[in-house]
Amino acid sequence: MATNRTFTMLKPDAIENGHMGKIIDMIINAGFSIKAMKYTQLSEAQAKEFYAVHAERPFYGELVEYMTSGPIVAAILEKENAVADFRALIGATDPAEAADGTIRKAYAESKGRNAVHGSDSDENAAIEGVFHFAANEIF
């Protein structure tokens, strides 16, 4: 069942490089409304849990280290067709393959430091949202 909400994280490289405001502007200008947002830093335990689906992959340790290297911005976004529209807005994982006008084309450094996470399904959006936010933090 499709929903109108998705989850995103602005990753440590986007924050470190001063792109937080520009990326949030792109999100709002694309018609998304922000239903929850926080500026935080993931602990190692949180990053391992969030990315547990990748635990057997060779890049897992590097991913956990990167995602705990600095602050992130976590957010729940709302818009009709939210997951698909947000995935289109962020662009391909590899910024060299991302379309012009996408967040990753504009702000990602590499496939590994790609500025932003976007849920890949309605189910994962719901899981990821409640991972980061209590019910009273979502509007």
Protein backbone atom coordinates (compact mmCIF):
# COMPACT_ATOMS: atom_id res chain seq x y z
CA MET A 1 0.00 0.00 0.00
CA ALA A 2 1.50 3.35 -1.04
CA THR A 3 1.67 6.08 1.53
CA ASN A 4 2.34 9.76 1.33
CA ARG A 5 5.36 9.71 3.66
CA THR A 6 9.02 8.88 3.27
CA PHE A 7 12.14 9.08 5.41
CA THR A 8 15.42 10.81 4.68
CA MET A 9 18.75 11.46 6.32
CA LEU A 10 21.15 14.18 5.29
CA LYS A 11 24.43 12.36 5.76
CA PRO A 12 27.61 13.54 7.52
CA ASP A 13 29.29 14.70 4.28
CA ALA A 14 26.36 16.97 3.40
CA ILE A 15 26.43 18.53 6.88
CA GLU A 16 30.23 18.82 6.96
CA ASN A 17 30.26 20.54 3.56
CA GLY A 18 27.62 23.11 4.54
CA HIS A 19 24.86 21.82 2.25
CA MET A 20 22.15 21.24 4.88
CA GLY A 21 20.11 24.36 4.12
CA LYS A 22 20.43 24.02 0.36
CA ILE A 23 19.26 20.41 0.44
CA ILE A 24 16.33 21.23 2.73
CA ASP A 25 15.38 24.03 0.32
CA MET A 26 15.43 21.57 -2.60
CA ILE A 27 13.17 19.21 -0.65
CA ILE A 28 10.66 21.94 0.20
CA ASN A 29 10.77 23.41 -3.31
CA ALA A 30 9.97 19.93 -4.69
CA GLY A 31 6.66 20.04 -2.79
CA PHE A 32 7.50 17.96 0.28
CA SER A 33 6.35 19.06 3.71
CA ILE A 34 8.41 18.20 6.76
CA LYS A 35 6.49 16.17 9.35
CA ALA A 36 9.46 15.49 11.66
CA MET A 37 13.07 16.66 11.68
CA LYS A 38 16.05 16.41 13.99
CA TYR A 39 19.71 17.28 13.95
CA THR A 40 21.54 14.47 15.71
CA GLN A 41 24.47 12.09 15.60
CA LEU A 42 24.11 8.34 15.33
CA SER A 43 25.90 6.16 17.86
CA GLU A 44 27.75 3.12 16.58
CA ALA A 45 24.99 0.88 17.97
CA GLN A 46 22.28 2.92 16.22
CA ALA A 47 24.14 2.90 12.89
CA LYS A 48 24.72 -0.86 13.12
CA GLU A 49 21.03 -1.43 13.83
CA PHE A 50 19.81 0.94 11.11
CA TYR A 51 22.08 -0.65 8.48
CA ALA A 52 21.75 -4.26 9.76
CA VAL A 53 20.37 -5.29 6.36
CA HIS A 54 23.92 -4.69 5.01
CA ALA A 55 25.76 -6.49 7.86
CA GLU A 56 27.12 -9.24 5.60
CA ARG A 57 28.30 -6.87 2.89
CA PRO A 58 31.96 -5.89 2.63
CA PHE A 59 31.22 -2.16 3.00
CA TYR A 60 29.20 -2.49 6.25
CA GLY A 61 32.01 -1.49 8.64
CA GLU A 62 32.97 1.48 6.49
CA LEU A 63 29.31 2.53 6.24
CA VAL A 64 28.85 2.42 10.02
CA GLU A 65 32.07 4.39 10.55
CA TYR A 66 31.02 7.01 8.00
CA MET A 67 27.47 7.39 9.36
CA THR A 68 28.81 7.95 12.89
CA SER A 69 31.55 10.37 11.80
CA GLY A 70 29.44 13.51 12.26
CA PRO A 71 25.94 14.84 12.69
CA ILE A 72 23.03 13.99 10.41
CA VAL A 73 19.59 15.46 9.82
CA ALA A 74 16.80 12.88 9.98
CA ALA A 75 13.38 13.79 8.59
CA ILE A 76 9.99 12.41 7.71
CA LEU A 77 8.61 14.01 4.56
CA GLU A 78 5.10 14.08 3.16
CA LYS A 79 3.86 14.44 -0.40
CA GLU A 80 1.68 12.38 -2.70
CA ASN A 81 3.78 9.48 -4.04
CA ALA A 82 6.46 10.42 -1.51
CA VAL A 83 8.87 7.48 -1.81
CA ALA A 84 9.10 7.46 -5.61
CA ASP A 85 9.16 11.26 -5.91
CA PHE A 86 11.88 11.57 -3.28
CA ARG A 87 13.99 8.84 -4.88
CA ALA A 88 13.75 10.79 -8.15
CA LEU A 89 14.75 14.01 -6.35
CA ILE A 90 17.84 12.50 -4.74
CA GLY A 91 19.10 10.80 -7.90
CA ALA A 92 21.33 7.78 -8.45
CA THR A 93 23.57 6.56 -5.62
CA ASP A 94 26.63 7.38 -7.72
CA PRO A 95 26.58 11.15 -8.31
CA ALA A 96 28.38 10.62 -11.64
CA GLU A 97 25.25 8.78 -12.79
CA ALA A 98 22.72 11.11 -11.14
CA ALA A 99 20.55 13.30 -13.31
CA ASP A 100 21.01 17.07 -13.44
CA GLY A 101 18.85 18.84 -10.88
CA THR A 102 19.06 16.02 -8.31
CA ILE A 103 20.43 16.38 -4.80
CA ARG A 104 23.23 13.88 -5.35
CA LYS A 105 24.29 15.46 -8.65
CA ALA A 106 24.57 18.81 -6.88
CA TYR A 107 25.97 17.80 -3.47
CA ALA A 108 27.30 14.22 -3.31
CA GLU A 109 31.04 13.60 -3.32
CA SER A 110 31.06 9.94 -4.34
CA LYS A 111 29.04 6.74 -4.30
CA GLY A 112 30.06 6.24 -0.66
CA ARG A 113 29.67 9.86 0.44
CA ASN A 114 26.43 10.55 -1.36
CA ALA A 115 24.90 13.32 0.77
CA VAL A 116 21.45 11.87 1.44
CA HIS A 117 19.50 8.71 2.20
CA GLY A 118 15.99 8.10 0.92
CA SER A 119 13.74 5.17 1.80
CA ASP A 120 13.39 2.65 -1.00
CA SER A 121 9.84 1.51 -0.18
CA ASP A 122 6.76 2.55 1.77
CA GLU A 123 7.43 -0.25 4.24
CA ASN A 124 11.03 0.85 4.86
CA ALA A 125 9.95 4.49 5.12
CA ALA A 126 7.64 3.56 7.99
CA ILE A 127 10.29 1.44 9.72
CA GLU A 128 13.02 4.06 9.30
CA GLY A 129 10.77 6.88 10.48
CA VAL A 130 9.89 5.21 13.77
CA PHE A 131 13.53 4.21 14.24
CA HIS A 132 14.46 7.89 14.49
CA PHE A 133 11.30 9.52 15.89
CA ALA A 134 8.93 8.97 18.79
CA ALA A 135 5.22 9.31 17.99
CA ASN A 136 5.06 12.73 19.68
CA GLU A 137 7.83 14.04 17.39
CA ILE A 138 5.89 13.34 14.18
CA PHE A 139 3.29 15.86 13.02
